[in-house]
Each structure stands twice: as structure tokens, then as C-alpha cells.
Amino acid sequence: MSAVNEIMHDKQEPHGPTISLSLLVTAFLVFGTMIFAIFYYKAELSMSLTKKEAILLSTPLDKLRDYEAAELNALRYQDADRTLVKVPIDFAMQDIVDERQ
């Protein structure tokens, strides 16, 4: 056979320390990225919850409960013609029970 038809393969072994170092750097970068992503997610979640709490706490809970109690327990007319009456649910339930007896 002539030298023209001969395939010349690389006869050198890979450099072990270089491969080990590149694998180590890659693993470190992947691990660092994962840690960064976890802390970033927790920070974003915390900021989102803080915003929601600020919205919810802007109206004091006691005032909100007083308003609801006043609205739900009020006996009054719903319209200006005084044809529709708003009756509290407890009063209406008791009225139904009294009718059935």
C-alpha cells in the first residue's frame, strides 16, 4: 500500500488533567446556576407575597368585619320605591321556621 491511501489516526491520548478541570468547572457552573435560581425564585416569591399582604392589610380587618356585619344584618329597603326589602338571613330563616310550625 502506498502512503496516499493510508489513514493517519491521532495517536496521542487525551490530556487527563485538562478534561478533569473542564468537567469540574462545568459542574461548578451548573451547581452555581441552580443555587442562584433557587434563591432568585424565593426572593421573587417573597416580594409577591409582600405585595399581596400590603393590599390585604391596607383595610384594617376590624373595619372590614364591622362593615360586613352592618351590611349583612341590616333590615332596610333596597329600592327607592320601597317595594323590595333587604332582610338579614337569620331573620329570614327564623321567619320560615315560624311559618312551617
Protein backbone atom coordinates (compact mmCIF):
# COMPACT_ATOMS: atom_id res chain seq x y z
CA MET A 1 0.00 0.00 0.00
CA SER A 2 1.10 3.42 -0.69
CA ALA A 3 1.17 6.31 1.73
CA VAL A 4 -1.57 8.09 -0.21
CA ASN A 5 -4.27 5.58 0.73
CA GLU A 6 -3.25 5.28 4.38
CA ILE A 7 -5.46 6.91 7.04
CA MET A 8 -3.48 8.77 9.63
CA HIS A 9 -5.13 8.48 13.05
CA ASP A 10 -4.26 10.67 16.00
CA LYS A 11 -2.10 8.57 18.22
CA GLN A 12 -1.99 10.93 21.23
CA GLU A 13 -4.02 10.24 24.35
CA PRO A 14 -6.35 12.99 25.65
CA HIS A 15 -4.80 15.22 28.27
CA GLY A 16 -6.40 13.96 31.54
CA PRO A 17 -5.94 17.00 33.80
CA THR A 18 -7.46 19.34 31.21
CA ILE A 19 -10.55 17.16 30.83
CA SER A 20 -10.91 16.82 34.61
CA LEU A 21 -10.56 20.55 35.08
CA SER A 22 -13.14 21.34 32.40
CA LEU A 23 -15.61 18.86 33.92
CA LEU A 24 -15.04 20.35 37.35
CA VAL A 25 -15.59 23.91 36.09
CA THR A 26 -18.74 22.84 34.23
CA ALA A 27 -20.14 21.10 37.32
CA PHE A 28 -19.35 24.17 39.44
CA LEU A 29 -21.12 26.48 36.97
CA VAL A 30 -24.20 24.24 36.79
CA PHE A 31 -24.35 23.97 40.58
CA GLY A 32 -23.90 27.74 40.96
CA THR A 33 -26.65 28.43 38.44
CA MET A 34 -29.02 26.11 40.29
CA ILE A 35 -28.29 27.78 43.63
CA PHE A 36 -28.79 31.22 42.09
CA ALA A 37 -32.10 30.13 40.54
CA ILE A 38 -33.38 28.79 43.88
CA PHE A 39 -32.55 31.99 45.76
CA TYR A 40 -33.92 34.17 42.96
CA TYR A 41 -37.20 32.21 42.99
CA LYS A 42 -37.53 32.53 46.76
CA ALA A 43 -36.83 36.27 46.59
CA GLU A 44 -39.44 36.78 43.85
CA LEU A 45 -41.97 34.72 45.77
CA SER A 46 -41.30 36.71 48.93
CA MET A 47 -41.74 40.02 47.09
CA SER A 48 -45.00 38.79 45.56
CA LEU A 49 -46.37 37.75 48.94
CA THR A 50 -45.32 41.07 50.45
CA LYS A 51 -47.26 42.95 47.77
CA LYS A 52 -50.36 40.82 48.36
CA GLU A 53 -50.15 41.31 52.12
CA ALA A 54 -49.83 45.07 51.64
CA ILE A 55 -53.01 45.07 49.58
CA LEU A 56 -54.88 42.93 52.08
CA LEU A 57 -53.70 44.86 55.10
CA SER A 58 -54.48 48.27 53.63
CA THR A 59 -58.01 48.00 55.04
CA PRO A 60 -57.93 47.04 58.71
CA LEU A 61 -59.69 43.77 59.37
CA ASP A 62 -61.79 45.19 62.21
CA LYS A 63 -63.27 47.88 59.96
CA LEU A 64 -63.99 45.30 57.28
CA ARG A 65 -65.75 43.00 59.74
CA ASP A 66 -67.81 45.88 61.15
CA TYR A 67 -68.85 46.89 57.64
CA GLU A 68 -69.84 43.32 56.75
CA ALA A 69 -71.80 42.89 59.96
CA ALA A 70 -73.66 46.15 59.37
CA GLU A 71 -74.47 45.25 55.75
CA LEU A 72 -75.47 41.66 56.39
CA ASN A 73 -77.58 42.36 59.46
CA ALA A 74 -79.42 45.43 58.18
CA LEU A 75 -83.17 45.38 57.63
CA ARG A 76 -83.98 48.07 55.07
CA TYR A 77 -85.49 48.83 51.69
CA GLN A 78 -83.38 48.01 48.65
CA ASP A 79 -85.01 50.42 46.21
CA ALA A 80 -86.35 53.95 46.23
CA ASP A 81 -89.95 52.81 45.59
CA ARG A 82 -89.89 50.81 48.83
CA THR A 83 -91.05 47.65 47.12
CA LEU A 84 -88.00 45.45 47.74
CA VAL A 85 -86.85 44.77 51.30
CA LYS A 86 -83.43 43.50 52.30
CA VAL A 87 -83.86 41.03 55.16
CA PRO A 88 -80.97 39.55 57.16
CA ILE A 89 -80.56 35.82 56.58
CA ASP A 90 -81.01 34.93 60.27
CA PHE A 91 -84.28 36.84 60.42
CA ALA A 92 -85.50 35.26 57.17
CA MET A 93 -84.62 31.75 58.34
CA GLN A 94 -86.43 32.26 61.62
CA ASP A 95 -89.47 33.61 59.74
CA ILE A 96 -89.56 30.49 57.52
CA VAL A 97 -89.28 28.20 60.56
CA ASP A 98 -92.12 30.09 62.30
CA GLU A 99 -94.32 29.76 59.18
CA ARG A 100 -93.77 26.00 58.97
CA GLN A 101 -94.74 25.33 62.57
